[in-house]
Amino acid sequence: MAEKERYSEEELQEFRDLINEKLKEARTDFEGLKATLSYKNDHGTEDTAPSFKMMEDGSETLSREEVSQLAARQEKFITHLENALTRISNKTYGICRATGKLIPKQRLKAVPHATLTIEAKEAMN
């Protein structure tokens, strides 16, 4: 049987839904981080996104620098997810940019913005 070259429309829609859900969560978290940074004191976490509140349980409030780093990382993650949606539109989603092979579905479900197979990623390190 020939190896599949790309994902079907149904599979791409499944990935699109997954990515849109992750984007929604990521944007909520990003807005929460930005709101935390805009507070004058670093102790107001009432409006911080839920996924970041748990990091403060049992620990000191995150420093302004740490929150800033988290916000930058979150913004980068959002960009990667948006790029993945573009690849879905272009029908290039799920194709390894190094080998041209299809990235396994389980990898894309775990890391929906992946552009490399595990093997290609490891070969680059």
PDB file of N, CA and C in Angstrom:
ATOM      1  N   MET A   1       0.846  -1.198   0.000  1.00  0.00           N
ATOM      2  CA  MET A   1       0.000   0.000   0.000  1.00  0.00           C
ATOM      3  C   MET A   1       0.881   1.247   0.000  1.00  0.00           C
ATOM      4  N   ALA A   2       0.575   2.193  -0.824  1.00  0.00           N
ATOM      5  CA  ALA A   2       1.356   3.430  -0.921  1.00  0.00           C
ATOM      6  C   ALA A   2       1.191   4.263   0.347  1.00  0.00           C
ATOM      7  N   GLU A   3       2.265   4.931   0.722  1.00  0.00           N
ATOM      8  CA  GLU A   3       2.217   5.792   1.898  1.00  0.00           C
ATOM      9  C   GLU A   3       1.380   7.028   1.579  1.00  0.00           C
ATOM     10  N   LYS A   4       0.545   7.402   2.537  1.00  0.00           N
ATOM     11  CA  LYS A   4      -0.308   8.567   2.378  1.00  0.00           C
ATOM     12  C   LYS A   4       0.543   9.834   2.280  1.00  0.00           C
ATOM     13  N   GLU A   5       0.185  10.722   1.365  1.00  0.00           N
ATOM     14  CA  GLU A   5       0.973  11.934   1.160  1.00  0.00           C
ATOM     15  C   GLU A   5       0.444  13.142   1.916  1.00  0.00           C
ATOM     16  N   ARG A   6      -0.871  13.147   2.196  1.00  0.00           N
ATOM     17  CA  ARG A   6      -1.431  14.264   2.952  1.00  0.00           C
ATOM     18  C   ARG A   6      -2.694  13.798   3.670  1.00  0.00           C
ATOM     19  N   TYR A   7      -3.145  14.628   4.599  1.00  0.00           N
ATOM     20  CA  TYR A   7      -4.344  14.289   5.355  1.00  0.00           C
ATOM     21  C   TYR A   7      -5.602  14.650   4.561  1.00  0.00           C
ATOM     22  N   SER A   8      -6.666  13.885   4.807  1.00  0.00           N
ATOM     23  CA  SER A   8      -7.942  14.108   4.116  1.00  0.00           C
ATOM     24  C   SER A   8      -8.606  15.392   4.631  1.00  0.00           C
ATOM     25  N   GLU A   9      -9.614  15.853   3.917  1.00  0.00           N
ATOM     26  CA  GLU A   9     -10.362  17.044   4.344  1.00  0.00           C
ATOM     27  C   GLU A   9     -10.954  16.843   5.746  1.00  0.00           C
ATOM     28  N   GLU A  10     -11.465  15.631   6.006  1.00  0.00           N
ATOM     29  CA  GLU A  10     -12.060  15.339   7.315  1.00  0.00           C
ATOM     30  C   GLU A  10     -10.997  15.434   8.405  1.00  0.00           C
ATOM     31  N   GLU A  11      -9.827  14.866   8.124  1.00  0.00           N
ATOM     32  CA  GLU A  11      -8.742  14.915   9.112  1.00  0.00           C
ATOM     33  C   GLU A  11      -8.262  16.353   9.316  1.00  0.00           C
ATOM     34  N   LEU A  12      -8.163  17.107   8.228  1.00  0.00           N
ATOM     35  CA  LEU A  12      -7.745  18.504   8.349  1.00  0.00           C
ATOM     36  C   LEU A  12      -8.750  19.304   9.171  1.00  0.00           C
ATOM     37  N   GLN A  13     -10.030  19.009   8.996  1.00  0.00           N
ATOM     38  CA  GLN A  13     -11.059  19.696   9.789  1.00  0.00           C
ATOM     39  C   GLN A  13     -10.914  19.343  11.266  1.00  0.00           C
ATOM     40  N   GLU A  14     -10.599  18.094  11.541  1.00  0.00           N
ATOM     41  CA  GLU A  14     -10.379  17.648  12.925  1.00  0.00           C
ATOM     42  C   GLU A  14      -9.210  18.435  13.542  1.00  0.00           C
ATOM     43  N   PHE A  15      -8.129  18.579  12.785  1.00  0.00           N
ATOM     44  CA  PHE A  15      -6.974  19.354  13.268  1.00  0.00           C
ATOM     45  C   PHE A  15      -7.330  20.832  13.405  1.00  0.00           C
ATOM     46  N   ARG A  16      -8.103  21.364  12.455  1.00  0.00           N
ATOM     47  CA  ARG A  16      -8.527  22.771  12.507  1.00  0.00           C
ATOM     48  C   ARG A  16      -9.308  23.028  13.791  1.00  0.00           C
ATOM     49  N   ASP A  17     -10.232  22.122  14.126  1.00  0.00           N
ATOM     50  CA  ASP A  17     -11.027  22.268  15.351  1.00  0.00           C
ATOM     51  C   ASP A  17     -10.127  22.234  16.590  1.00  0.00           C
ATOM     52  N   LEU A  18      -9.185  21.287  16.606  1.00  0.00           N
ATOM     53  CA  LEU A  18      -8.252  21.152  17.729  1.00  0.00           C
ATOM     54  C   LEU A  18      -7.427  22.442  17.884  1.00  0.00           C
ATOM     55  N   ILE A  19      -6.900  22.939  16.790  1.00  0.00           N
ATOM     56  CA  ILE A  19      -6.064  24.145  16.821  1.00  0.00           C
ATOM     57  C   ILE A  19      -6.879  25.361  17.239  1.00  0.00           C
ATOM     58  N   ASN A  20      -8.091  25.483  16.726  1.00  0.00           N
ATOM     59  CA  ASN A  20      -8.938  26.616  17.123  1.00  0.00           C
ATOM     60  C   ASN A  20      -9.241  26.595  18.612  1.00  0.00           C
ATOM     61  N   GLU A  21      -9.445  25.406  19.172  1.00  0.00           N
ATOM     62  CA  GLU A  21      -9.696  25.270  20.609  1.00  0.00           C
ATOM     63  C   GLU A  21      -8.446  25.692  21.394  1.00  0.00           C
ATOM     64  N   LYS A  22      -7.276  25.217  20.958  1.00  0.00           N
ATOM     65  CA  LYS A  22      -6.025  25.579  21.622  1.00  0.00           C
ATOM     66  C   LYS A  22      -5.750  27.082  21.490  1.00  0.00           C
ATOM     67  N   LEU A  23      -6.085  27.647  20.330  1.00  0.00           N
ATOM     68  CA  LEU A  23      -5.904  29.090  20.121  1.00  0.00           C
ATOM     69  C   LEU A  23      -6.773  29.893  21.084  1.00  0.00           C
ATOM     70  N   LYS A  24      -8.014  29.458  21.256  1.00  0.00           N
ATOM     71  CA  LYS A  24      -8.927  30.148  22.156  1.00  0.00           C
ATOM     72  C   LYS A  24      -8.358  30.168  23.577  1.00  0.00           C
ATOM     73  N   GLU A  25      -7.887  29.008  24.036  1.00  0.00           N
ATOM     74  CA  GLU A  25      -7.296  28.906  25.376  1.00  0.00           C
ATOM     75  C   GLU A  25      -6.036  29.761  25.478  1.00  0.00           C
ATOM     76  N   ALA A  26      -5.183  29.686  24.452  1.00  0.00           N
ATOM     77  CA  ALA A  26      -3.916  30.422  24.464  1.00  0.00           C
ATOM     78  C   ALA A  26      -4.160  31.928  24.497  1.00  0.00           C
ATOM     79  N   ARG A  27      -5.146  32.385  23.742  1.00  0.00           N
ATOM     80  CA  ARG A  27      -5.439  33.828  23.723  1.00  0.00           C
ATOM     81  C   ARG A  27      -5.994  34.289  25.063  1.00  0.00           C
ATOM     82  N   THR A  28      -6.814  33.458  25.690  1.00  0.00           N
ATOM     83  CA  THR A  28      -7.348  33.783  27.016  1.00  0.00           C
ATOM     84  C   THR A  28      -6.203  33.899  28.017  1.00  0.00           C
ATOM     85  N   ASP A  29      -5.304  32.922  27.981  1.00  0.00           N
ATOM     86  CA  ASP A  29      -4.150  32.947  28.884  1.00  0.00           C
ATOM     87  C   ASP A  29      -3.275  34.171  28.611  1.00  0.00           C
ATOM     88  N   PHE A  30      -3.049  34.479  27.345  1.00  0.00           N
ATOM     89  CA  PHE A  30      -2.217  35.609  26.964  1.00  0.00           C
ATOM     90  C   PHE A  30      -2.827  36.919  27.472  1.00  0.00           C
ATOM     91  N   GLU A  31      -4.136  37.074  27.292  1.00  0.00           N
ATOM     92  CA  GLU A  31      -4.814  38.286  27.769  1.00  0.00           C
ATOM     93  C   GLU A  31      -4.701  38.393  29.288  1.00  0.00           C
ATOM     94  N   GLY A  32      -4.819  37.256  29.974  1.00  0.00           N
ATOM     95  CA  GLY A  32      -4.675  37.244  31.432  1.00  0.00           C
ATOM     96  C   GLY A  32      -3.287  37.671  31.859  1.00  0.00           C
ATOM     97  N   LEU A  33      -2.286  37.206  31.147  1.00  0.00           N
ATOM     98  CA  LEU A  33      -0.901  37.590  31.459  1.00  0.00           C
ATOM     99  C   LEU A  33      -0.684  39.081  31.202  1.00  0.00           C
ATOM    100  N   LYS A  34      -1.217  39.563  30.075  1.00  0.00           N
ATOM    101  CA  LYS A  34      -1.073  40.990  29.771  1.00  0.00           C
ATOM    102  C   LYS A  34      -1.766  41.834  30.837  1.00  0.00           C
ATOM    103  N   ALA A  35      -2.918  41.364  31.295  1.00  0.00           N
ATOM    104  CA  ALA A  35      -3.651  42.100  32.331  1.00  0.00           C
ATOM    105  C   ALA A  35      -2.845  42.118  33.625  1.00  0.00           C
ATOM    106  N   THR A  36      -2.217  40.999  33.959  1.00  0.00           N
ATOM    107  CA  THR A  36      -1.383  40.923  35.156  1.00  0.00           C
ATOM    108  C   THR A  36      -0.231  41.914  35.052  1.00  0.00           C
ATOM    109  N   LEU A  37       0.374  42.003  33.880  1.00  0.00           N
ATOM    110  CA  LEU A  37       1.496  42.928  33.686  1.00  0.00           C
ATOM    111  C   LEU A  37       1.060  44.385  33.785  1.00  0.00           C
ATOM    112  N   SER A  38      -0.191  44.673  33.441  1.00  0.00           N
ATOM    113  CA  SER A  38      -0.652  46.055  33.448  1.00  0.00           C
ATOM    114  C   SER A  38      -1.024  46.536  34.850  1.00  0.00           C
ATOM    115  N   TYR A  39      -1.161  45.607  35.817  1.00  0.00           N
ATOM    116  CA  TYR A  39      -1.456  46.017  37.192  1.00  0.00           C
ATOM    117  C   TYR A  39      -0.248  46.696  37.792  1.00  0.00           C
ATOM    118  N   LYS A  40      -0.499  47.692  38.642  1.00  0.00           N
ATOM    119  CA  LYS A  40       0.607  48.411  39.278  1.00  0.00           C
ATOM    120  C   LYS A  40       1.316  47.504  40.283  1.00  0.00           C
ATOM    121  N   ASN A  41       0.535  46.743  41.057  1.00  0.00           N
ATOM    122  CA  ASN A  41       1.194  45.824  41.991  1.00  0.00           C
ATOM    123  C   ASN A  41       1.219  44.441  41.369  1.00  0.00           C
ATOM    124  N   ASP A  42       2.170  43.640  41.746  1.00  0.00           N
ATOM    125  CA  ASP A  42       2.313  42.301  41.171  1.00  0.00           C
ATOM    126  C   ASP A  42       1.517  41.258  41.946  1.00  0.00           C
ATOM    127  N   HIS A  43       0.648  41.716  42.851  1.00  0.00           N
ATOM    128  CA  HIS A  43      -0.041  40.729  43.690  1.00  0.00           C
ATOM    129  C   HIS A  43      -1.479  40.477  43.263  1.00  0.00           C
ATOM    130  N   GLY A  44      -1.971  41.194  42.275  1.00  0.00           N
ATOM    131  CA  GLY A  44      -3.350  40.996  41.840  1.00  0.00           C
ATOM    132  C   GLY A  44      -3.441  39.874  40.822  1.00  0.00           C
ATOM    133  N   THR A  45      -3.966  38.730  41.252  1.00  0.00           N
ATOM    134  CA  THR A  45      -4.085  37.602  40.324  1.00  0.00           C
ATOM    135  C   THR A  45      -5.543  37.222  40.097  1.00  0.00           C
ATOM    136  N   GLU A  46      -6.459  38.069  40.546  1.00  0.00           N
ATOM    137  CA  GLU A  46      -7.877  37.738  40.399  1.00  0.00           C
ATOM    138  C   GLU A  46      -8.264  37.539  38.938  1.00  0.00           C
ATOM    139  N   ASP A  47      -7.650  38.324  38.052  1.00  0.00           N
ATOM    140  CA  ASP A  47      -8.003  38.246  36.641  1.00  0.00           C
ATOM    141  C   ASP A  47      -7.021  37.419  35.826  1.00  0.00           C
ATOM    142  N   THR A  48      -6.074  36.784  36.513  1.00  0.00           N
ATOM    143  CA  THR A  48      -5.089  35.989  35.788  1.00  0.00           C
ATOM    144  C   THR A  48      -5.759  34.730  35.247  1.00  0.00           C
ATOM    145  N   ALA A  49      -5.331  34.317  34.079  1.00  0.00           N
ATOM    146  CA  ALA A  49      -5.901  33.127  33.446  1.00  0.00           C
ATOM    147  C   ALA A  49      -5.761  31.920  34.372  1.00  0.00           C
ATOM    148  N   PRO A  50      -6.752  31.018  34.381  1.00  0.00           N
ATOM    149  CA  PRO A  50      -6.767  29.865  35.288  1.00  0.00           C
ATOM    150  C   PRO A  50      -5.511  29.004  35.229  1.00  0.00           C
ATOM    151  N   SER A  51      -4.958  28.798  34.060  1.00  0.00           N
ATOM    152  CA  SER A  51      -3.806  27.913  33.966  1.00  0.00           C
ATOM    153  C   SER A  51      -2.575  28.516  34.640  1.00  0.00           C
ATOM    154  N   PHE A  52      -2.563  29.830  34.839  1.00  0.00           N
ATOM    155  CA  PHE A  52      -1.414  30.447  35.492  1.00  0.00           C
ATOM    156  C   PHE A  52      -1.655  30.628  36.988  1.00  0.00           C
ATOM    157  N   LYS A  53      -2.904  30.646  37.414  1.00  0.00           N
ATOM    158  CA  LYS A  53      -3.204  30.747  38.841  1.00  0.00           C
ATOM    159  C   LYS A  53      -2.624  29.568  39.597  1.00  0.00           C
ATOM    160  N   MET A  54      -2.711  28.386  38.978  1.00  0.00           N
ATOM    161  CA  MET A  54      -2.248  27.190  39.681  1.00  0.00           C
ATOM    162  C   MET A  54      -0.757  27.245  39.961  1.00  0.00           C
ATOM    163  N   MET A  55      -0.014  27.988  39.151  1.00  0.00           N
ATOM    164  CA  MET A  55       1.427  28.083  39.372  1.00  0.00           C
ATOM    165  C   MET A  55       1.727  28.870  40.636  1.00  0.00           C
ATOM    166  N   GLU A  56       0.784  29.664  41.085  1.00  0.00           N
ATOM    167  CA  GLU A  56       1.031  30.489  42.243  1.00  0.00           C
ATOM    168  C   GLU A  56       0.637  29.796  43.537  1.00  0.00           C
ATOM    169  N   ASP A  57      -0.129  28.730  43.452  1.00  0.00           N
ATOM    170  CA  ASP A  57      -0.519  28.009  44.650  1.00  0.00           C
ATOM    171  C   ASP A  57       0.720  27.472  45.343  1.00  0.00           C
ATOM    172  N   GLY A  58       0.907  27.883  46.584  1.00  0.00           N
ATOM    173  CA  GLY A  58       2.039  27.381  47.348  1.00  0.00           C
ATOM    174  C   GLY A  58       3.366  28.003  46.951  1.00  0.00           C
ATOM    175  N   SER A  59       3.352  29.027  46.155  1.00  0.00           N
ATOM    176  CA  SER A  59       4.610  29.679  45.787  1.00  0.00           C
ATOM    177  C   SER A  59       4.418  31.180  45.824  1.00  0.00           C
ATOM    178  N   GLU A  60       5.519  31.893  45.726  1.00  0.00           N
ATOM    179  CA  GLU A  60       5.457  33.355  45.684  1.00  0.00           C
ATOM    180  C   GLU A  60       4.795  33.790  44.378  1.00  0.00           C
ATOM    181  N   THR A  61       4.252  34.965  44.386  1.00  0.00           N
ATOM    182  CA  THR A  61       3.673  35.525  43.167  1.00  0.00           C
ATOM    183  C   THR A  61       4.760  35.593  42.104  1.00  0.00           C
ATOM    184  N   LEU A  62       4.405  35.266  40.892  1.00  0.00           N
ATOM    185  CA  LEU A  62       5.374  35.324  39.797  1.00  0.00           C
ATOM    186  C   LEU A  62       5.910  36.748  39.652  1.00  0.00           C
ATOM    187  N   SER A  63       7.189  36.849  39.421  1.00  0.00           N
ATOM    188  CA  SER A  63       7.770  38.169  39.233  1.00  0.00           C
ATOM    189  C   SER A  63       7.291  38.747  37.903  1.00  0.00           C
ATOM    190  N   ARG A  64       7.401  40.054  37.802  1.00  0.00           N
ATOM    191  CA  ARG A  64       6.999  40.742  36.578  1.00  0.00           C
ATOM    192  C   ARG A  64       7.770  40.177  35.382  1.00  0.00           C
ATOM    193  N   GLU A  65       9.062  39.888  35.581  1.00  0.00           N
ATOM    194  CA  GLU A  65       9.899  39.346  34.503  1.00  0.00           C
ATOM    195  C   GLU A  65       9.411  37.962  34.079  1.00  0.00           C
ATOM    196  N   GLU A  66       9.061  37.123  35.055  1.00  0.00           N
ATOM    197  CA  GLU A  66       8.559  35.776  34.730  1.00  0.00           C
ATOM    198  C   GLU A  66       7.238  35.850  33.977  1.00  0.00           C
ATOM    199  N   VAL A  67       6.364  36.733  34.402  1.00  0.00           N
ATOM    200  CA  VAL A  67       5.074  36.900  33.728  1.00  0.00           C
ATOM    201  C   VAL A  67       5.310  37.393  32.299  1.00  0.00           C
ATOM    202  N   SER A  68       6.270  38.310  32.158  1.00  0.00           N
ATOM    203  CA  SER A  68       6.602  38.833  30.838  1.00  0.00           C
ATOM    204  C   SER A  68       7.127  37.721  29.927  1.00  0.00           C
ATOM    205  N   GLN A  69       7.980  36.857  30.474  1.00  0.00           N
ATOM    206  CA  GLN A  69       8.509  35.731  29.695  1.00  0.00           C
ATOM    207  C   GLN A  69       7.395  34.761  29.306  1.00  0.00           C
ATOM    208  N   LEU A  70       6.489  34.491  30.246  1.00  0.00           N
ATOM    209  CA  LEU A  70       5.350  33.614  29.939  1.00  0.00           C
ATOM    210  C   LEU A  70       4.484  34.221  28.839  1.00  0.00           C
ATOM    211  N   ALA A  71       4.266  35.529  28.915  1.00  0.00           N
ATOM    212  CA  ALA A  71       3.451  36.213  27.901  1.00  0.00           C
ATOM    213  C   ALA A  71       4.121  36.109  26.534  1.00  0.00           C
ATOM    214  N   ALA A  72       5.438  36.300  26.486  1.00  0.00           N
ATOM    215  CA  ALA A  72       6.164  36.211  25.210  1.00  0.00           C
ATOM    216  C   ALA A  72       6.078  34.800  24.649  1.00  0.00           C
ATOM    217  N   ARG A  73       6.224  33.806  25.506  1.00  0.00           N
ATOM    218  CA  ARG A  73       6.139  32.411  25.073  1.00  0.00           C
ATOM    219  C   ARG A  73       4.735  32.106  24.564  1.00  0.00           C
ATOM    220  N   GLN A  74       3.738  32.625  25.255  1.00  0.00           N
ATOM    221  CA  GLN A  74       2.345  32.396  24.863  1.00  0.00           C
ATOM    222  C   GLN A  74       2.059  33.051  23.513  1.00  0.00           C
ATOM    223  N   GLU A  75       2.603  34.251  23.311  1.00  0.00           N
ATOM    224  CA  GLU A  75       2.406  34.956  22.044  1.00  0.00           C
ATOM    225  C   GLU A  75       3.042  34.171  20.888  1.00  0.00           C
ATOM    226  N   LYS A  76       4.212  33.605  21.133  1.00  0.00           N
ATOM    227  CA  LYS A  76       4.906  32.789  20.129  1.00  0.00           C
ATOM    228  C   LYS A  76       4.076  31.531  19.808  1.00  0.00           C
ATOM    229  N   PHE A  77       3.506  30.908  20.850  1.00  0.00           N
ATOM    230  CA  PHE A  77       2.669  29.723  20.688  1.00  0.00           C
ATOM    231  C   PHE A  77       1.446  30.052  19.818  1.00  0.00           C
ATOM    232  N   ILE A  78       0.837  31.210  20.068  1.00  0.00           N
ATOM    233  CA  ILE A  78      -0.324  31.648  19.286  1.00  0.00           C
ATOM    234  C   ILE A  78       0.067  31.799  17.814  1.00  0.00           C
ATOM    235  N   THR A  79       1.220  32.398  17.562  1.00  0.00           N
ATOM    236  CA  THR A  79       1.704  32.566  16.184  1.00  0.00           C
ATOM    237  C   THR A  79       1.903  31.210  15.513  1.00  0.00           C
ATOM    238  N   HIS A  80       2.499  30.261  16.239  1.00  0.00           N
ATOM    239  CA  HIS A  80       2.707  28.915  15.690  1.00  0.00           C
ATOM    240  C   HIS A  80       1.368  28.251  15.340  1.00  0.00           C
ATOM    241  N   LEU A  81       0.383  28.414  16.208  1.00  0.00           N
ATOM    242  CA  LEU A  81      -0.943  27.831  15.946  1.00  0.00           C
ATOM    243  C   LEU A  81      -1.601  28.499  14.740  1.00  0.00           C
ATOM    244  N   GLU A  82      -1.477  29.820  14.640  1.00  0.00           N
ATOM    245  CA  GLU A  82      -2.053  30.534  13.491  1.00  0.00           C
ATOM    246  C   GLU A  82      -1.374  30.080  12.190  1.00  0.00           C
ATOM    247  N   ASN A  83      -0.055  29.867  12.247  1.00  0.00           N
ATOM    248  CA  ASN A  83       0.670  29.371  11.070  1.00  0.00           C
ATOM    249  C   ASN A  83       0.190  27.975  10.684  1.00  0.00           C
ATOM    250  N   ALA A  84      -0.132  27.160  11.684  1.00  0.00           N
ATOM    251  CA  ALA A  84      -0.644  25.816  11.418  1.00  0.00           C
ATOM    252  C   ALA A  84      -1.981  25.901  10.682  1.00  0.00           C
ATOM    253  N   LEU A  85      -2.833  26.845  11.072  1.00  0.00           N
ATOM    254  CA  LEU A  85      -4.119  27.036  10.376  1.00  0.00           C
ATOM    255  C   LEU A  85      -3.887  27.438   8.921  1.00  0.00           C
ATOM    256  N   THR A  86      -2.862  28.257   8.679  1.00  0.00           N
ATOM    257  CA  THR A  86      -2.518  28.643   7.306  1.00  0.00           C
ATOM    258  C   THR A  86      -2.096  27.414   6.514  1.00  0.00           C
ATOM    259  N   ARG A  87      -1.295  26.542   7.140  1.00  0.00           N
ATOM    260  CA  ARG A  87      -0.868  25.321   6.450  1.00  0.00           C
ATOM    261  C   ARG A  87      -2.054  24.413   6.148  1.00  0.00           C
ATOM    262  N   ILE A  88      -3.050  24.399   7.024  1.00  0.00           N
ATOM    263  CA  ILE A  88      -4.265  23.614   6.741  1.00  0.00           C
ATOM    264  C   ILE A  88      -4.938  24.185   5.487  1.00  0.00           C
ATOM    265  N   SER A  89      -5.067  25.506   5.426  1.00  0.00           N
ATOM    266  CA  SER A  89      -5.678  26.151   4.258  1.00  0.00           C
ATOM    267  C   SER A  89      -4.899  25.865   2.980  1.00  0.00           C
ATOM    268  N   ASN A  90      -3.572  25.816   3.106  1.00  0.00           N
ATOM    269  CA  ASN A  90      -2.703  25.558   1.944  1.00  0.00           C
ATOM    270  C   ASN A  90      -2.586  24.073   1.608  1.00  0.00           C
ATOM    271  N   LYS A  91      -3.193  23.239   2.414  1.00  0.00           N
ATOM    272  CA  LYS A  91      -3.119  21.773   2.257  1.00  0.00           C
ATOM    273  C   LYS A  91      -1.690  21.242   2.441  1.00  0.00           C
ATOM    274  N   THR A  92      -0.871  21.970   3.203  1.00  0.00           N
ATOM    275  CA  THR A  92       0.491  21.501   3.483  1.00  0.00           C
ATOM    276  C   THR A  92       0.628  21.072   4.945  1.00  0.00           C
ATOM    277  N   TYR A  93      -0.470  21.122   5.692  1.00  0.00           N
ATOM    278  CA  TYR A  93      -0.434  20.776   7.108  1.00  0.00           C
ATOM    279  C   TYR A  93      -0.090  19.304   7.307  1.00  0.00           C
ATOM    280  N   GLY A  94       0.779  19.053   8.273  1.00  0.00           N
ATOM    281  CA  GLY A  94       1.115  17.674   8.626  1.00  0.00           C
ATOM    282  C   GLY A  94       2.206  17.065   7.771  1.00  0.00           C
ATOM    283  N   ILE A  95       2.795  17.861   6.895  1.00  0.00           N
ATOM    284  CA  ILE A  95       3.879  17.366   6.053  1.00  0.00           C
ATOM    285  C   ILE A  95       5.190  17.899   6.619  1.00  0.00           C
ATOM    286  N   CYS A  96       6.113  17.006   6.936  1.00  0.00           N
ATOM    287  CA  CYS A  96       7.399  17.379   7.524  1.00  0.00           C
ATOM    288  C   CYS A  96       8.160  18.281   6.565  1.00  0.00           C
ATOM    289  N   ARG A  97       8.607  19.434   7.062  1.00  0.00           N
ATOM    290  CA  ARG A  97       9.312  20.377   6.186  1.00  0.00           C
ATOM    291  C   ARG A  97      10.723  19.917   5.852  1.00  0.00           C
ATOM    292  N   ALA A  98      11.246  18.930   6.588  1.00  0.00           N
ATOM    293  CA  ALA A  98      12.589  18.423   6.304  1.00  0.00           C
ATOM    294  C   ALA A  98      12.565  17.210   5.380  1.00  0.00           C
ATOM    295  N   THR A  99      11.608  16.301   5.610  1.00  0.00           N
ATOM    296  CA  THR A  99      11.598  15.034   4.867  1.00  0.00           C
ATOM    297  C   THR A  99      10.492  14.939   3.825  1.00  0.00           C
ATOM    298  N   GLY A 100       9.459  15.773   3.956  1.00  0.00           N
ATOM    299  CA  GLY A 100       8.320  15.697   3.048  1.00  0.00           C
ATOM    300  C   GLY A 100       7.367  14.562   3.390  1.00  0.00           C
ATOM    301  N   LYS A 101       7.673  13.828   4.479  1.00  0.00           N
ATOM    302  CA  LYS A 101       6.803  12.725   4.906  1.00  0.00           C
ATOM    303  C   LYS A 101       5.679  13.263   5.785  1.00  0.00           C
ATOM    304  N   LEU A 102       4.630  12.463   5.898  1.00  0.00           N
ATOM    305  CA  LEU A 102       3.500  12.832   6.738  1.00  0.00           C
ATOM    306  C   LEU A 102       3.887  12.699   8.214  1.00  0.00           C
ATOM    307  N   ILE A 103       3.627  13.745   8.981  1.00  0.00           N
ATOM    308  CA  ILE A 103       3.875  13.703  10.423  1.00  0.00           C
ATOM    309  C   ILE A 103       2.770  12.847  11.039  1.00  0.00           C
ATOM    310  N   PRO A 104       3.127  11.868  11.882  1.00  0.00           N
ATOM    311  CA  PRO A 104       2.107  10.993  12.480  1.00  0.00           C
ATOM    312  C   PRO A 104       1.003  11.776  13.206  1.00  0.00           C
ATOM    313  N   LYS A 105      -0.210  11.268  13.068  1.00  0.00           N
ATOM    314  CA  LYS A 105      -1.386  11.923  13.647  1.00  0.00           C
ATOM    315  C   LYS A 105      -1.247  12.127  15.160  1.00  0.00           C
ATOM    316  N   GLN A 106      -0.705  11.116  15.860  1.00  0.00           N
ATOM    317  CA  GLN A 106      -0.581  11.239  17.313  1.00  0.00           C
ATOM    318  C   GLN A 106       0.372  12.380  17.703  1.00  0.00           C
ATOM    319  N   ARG A 107       1.408  12.622  16.901  1.00  0.00           N
ATOM    320  CA  ARG A 107       2.311  13.755  17.171  1.00  0.00           C
ATOM    321  C   ARG A 107       1.565  15.076  16.967  1.00  0.00           C
ATOM    322  N   LEU A 108       0.802  15.167  15.898  1.00  0.00           N
ATOM    323  CA  LEU A 108       0.067  16.403  15.624  1.00  0.00           C
ATOM    324  C   LEU A 108      -1.017  16.659  16.661  1.00  0.00           C
ATOM    325  N   LYS A 109      -1.582  15.611  17.211  1.00  0.00           N
ATOM    326  CA  LYS A 109      -2.589  15.808  18.263  1.00  0.00           C
ATOM    327  C   LYS A 109      -1.927  16.349  19.522  1.00  0.00           C
ATOM    328  N   ALA A 110      -0.697  15.906  19.793  1.00  0.00           N
ATOM    329  CA  ALA A 110       0.039  16.379  20.969  1.00  0.00           C
ATOM    330  C   ALA A 110       0.641  17.764  20.730  1.00  0.00           C
ATOM    331  N   VAL A 111       1.176  17.974  19.520  1.00  0.00           N
ATOM    332  CA  VAL A 111       1.825  19.241  19.154  1.00  0.00           C
ATOM    333  C   VAL A 111       1.247  19.673  17.801  1.00  0.00           C
ATOM    334  N   PRO A 112       0.048  20.279  17.814  1.00  0.00           N
ATOM    335  CA  PRO A 112      -0.637  20.562  16.551  1.00  0.00           C
ATOM    336  C   PRO A 112       0.087  21.529  15.621  1.00  0.00           C
ATOM    337  N   HIS A 113       1.075  22.253  16.136  1.00  0.00           N
ATOM    338  CA  HIS A 113       1.813  23.186  15.286  1.00  0.00           C
ATOM    339  C   HIS A 113       3.145  22.596  14.800  1.00  0.00           C
ATOM    340  N   ALA A 114       3.357  21.294  15.019  1.00  0.00           N
ATOM    341  CA  ALA A 114       4.607  20.647  14.604  1.00  0.00           C
ATOM    342  C   ALA A 114       4.799  20.747  13.096  1.00  0.00           C
ATOM    343  N   THR A 115       6.046  20.981  12.700  1.00  0.00           N
ATOM    344  CA  THR A 115       6.369  21.035  11.265  1.00  0.00           C
ATOM    345  C   THR A 115       7.417  19.992  10.901  1.00  0.00           C
ATOM    346  N   LEU A 116       7.823  19.199  11.899  1.00  0.00           N
ATOM    347  CA  LEU A 116       8.845  18.164  11.678  1.00  0.00           C
ATOM    348  C   LEU A 116       8.395  16.848  12.301  1.00  0.00           C
ATOM    349  N   THR A 117       8.787  15.739  11.692  1.00  0.00           N
ATOM    350  CA  THR A 117       8.600  14.452  12.342  1.00  0.00           C
ATOM    351  C   THR A 117       9.596  14.399  13.507  1.00  0.00           C
ATOM    352  N   ILE A 118       9.381  13.500  14.445  1.00  0.00           N
ATOM    353  CA  ILE A 118      10.308  13.335  15.579  1.00  0.00           C
ATOM    354  C   ILE A 118      11.711  13.041  15.051  1.00  0.00           C
ATOM    355  N   GLU A 119      11.801  12.159  14.060  1.00  0.00           N
ATOM    356  CA  GLU A 119      13.099  11.762  13.502  1.00  0.00           C
ATOM    357  C   GLU A 119      13.835  12.975  12.931  1.00  0.00           C
ATOM    358  N   ALA A 120      13.135  13.803  12.182  1.00  0.00           N
ATOM    359  CA  ALA A 120      13.757  14.998  11.589  1.00  0.00           C
ATOM    360  C   ALA A 120      14.177  15.982  12.674  1.00  0.00           C
ATOM    361  N   LYS A 121      13.346  16.132  13.693  1.00  0.00           N
ATOM    362  CA  LYS A 121      13.651  17.045  14.798  1.00  0.00           C
ATOM    363  C   LYS A 121      14.909  16.575  15.523  1.00  0.00           C
ATOM    364  N   GLU A 122      14.973  15.264  15.805  1.00  0.00           N
ATOM    365  CA  GLU A 122      16.145  14.710  16.502  1.00  0.00           C
ATOM    366  C   GLU A 122      17.406  14.818  15.647  1.00  0.00           C
ATOM    367  N   ALA A 123      17.265  14.663  14.342  1.00  0.00           N
ATOM    368  CA  ALA A 123      18.413  14.760  13.445  1.00  0.00           C
ATOM    369  C   ALA A 123      19.004  16.168  13.423  1.00  0.00           C
ATOM    370  N   MET A 124      18.159  17.164  13.710  1.00  0.00           N
ATOM    371  CA  MET A 124      18.622  18.564  13.710  1.00  0.00           C
ATOM    372  C   MET A 124      19.341  18.939  14.988  1.00  0.00           C
ATOM    373  N   ASN A 125      19.123  18.162  16.043  1.00  0.00           N
ATOM    374  CA  ASN A 125      19.739  18.492  17.349  1.00  0.00           C
ATOM    375  C   ASN A 125      21.116  17.925  17.484  1.00  0.00           C
TER     376      ASN A 125
END
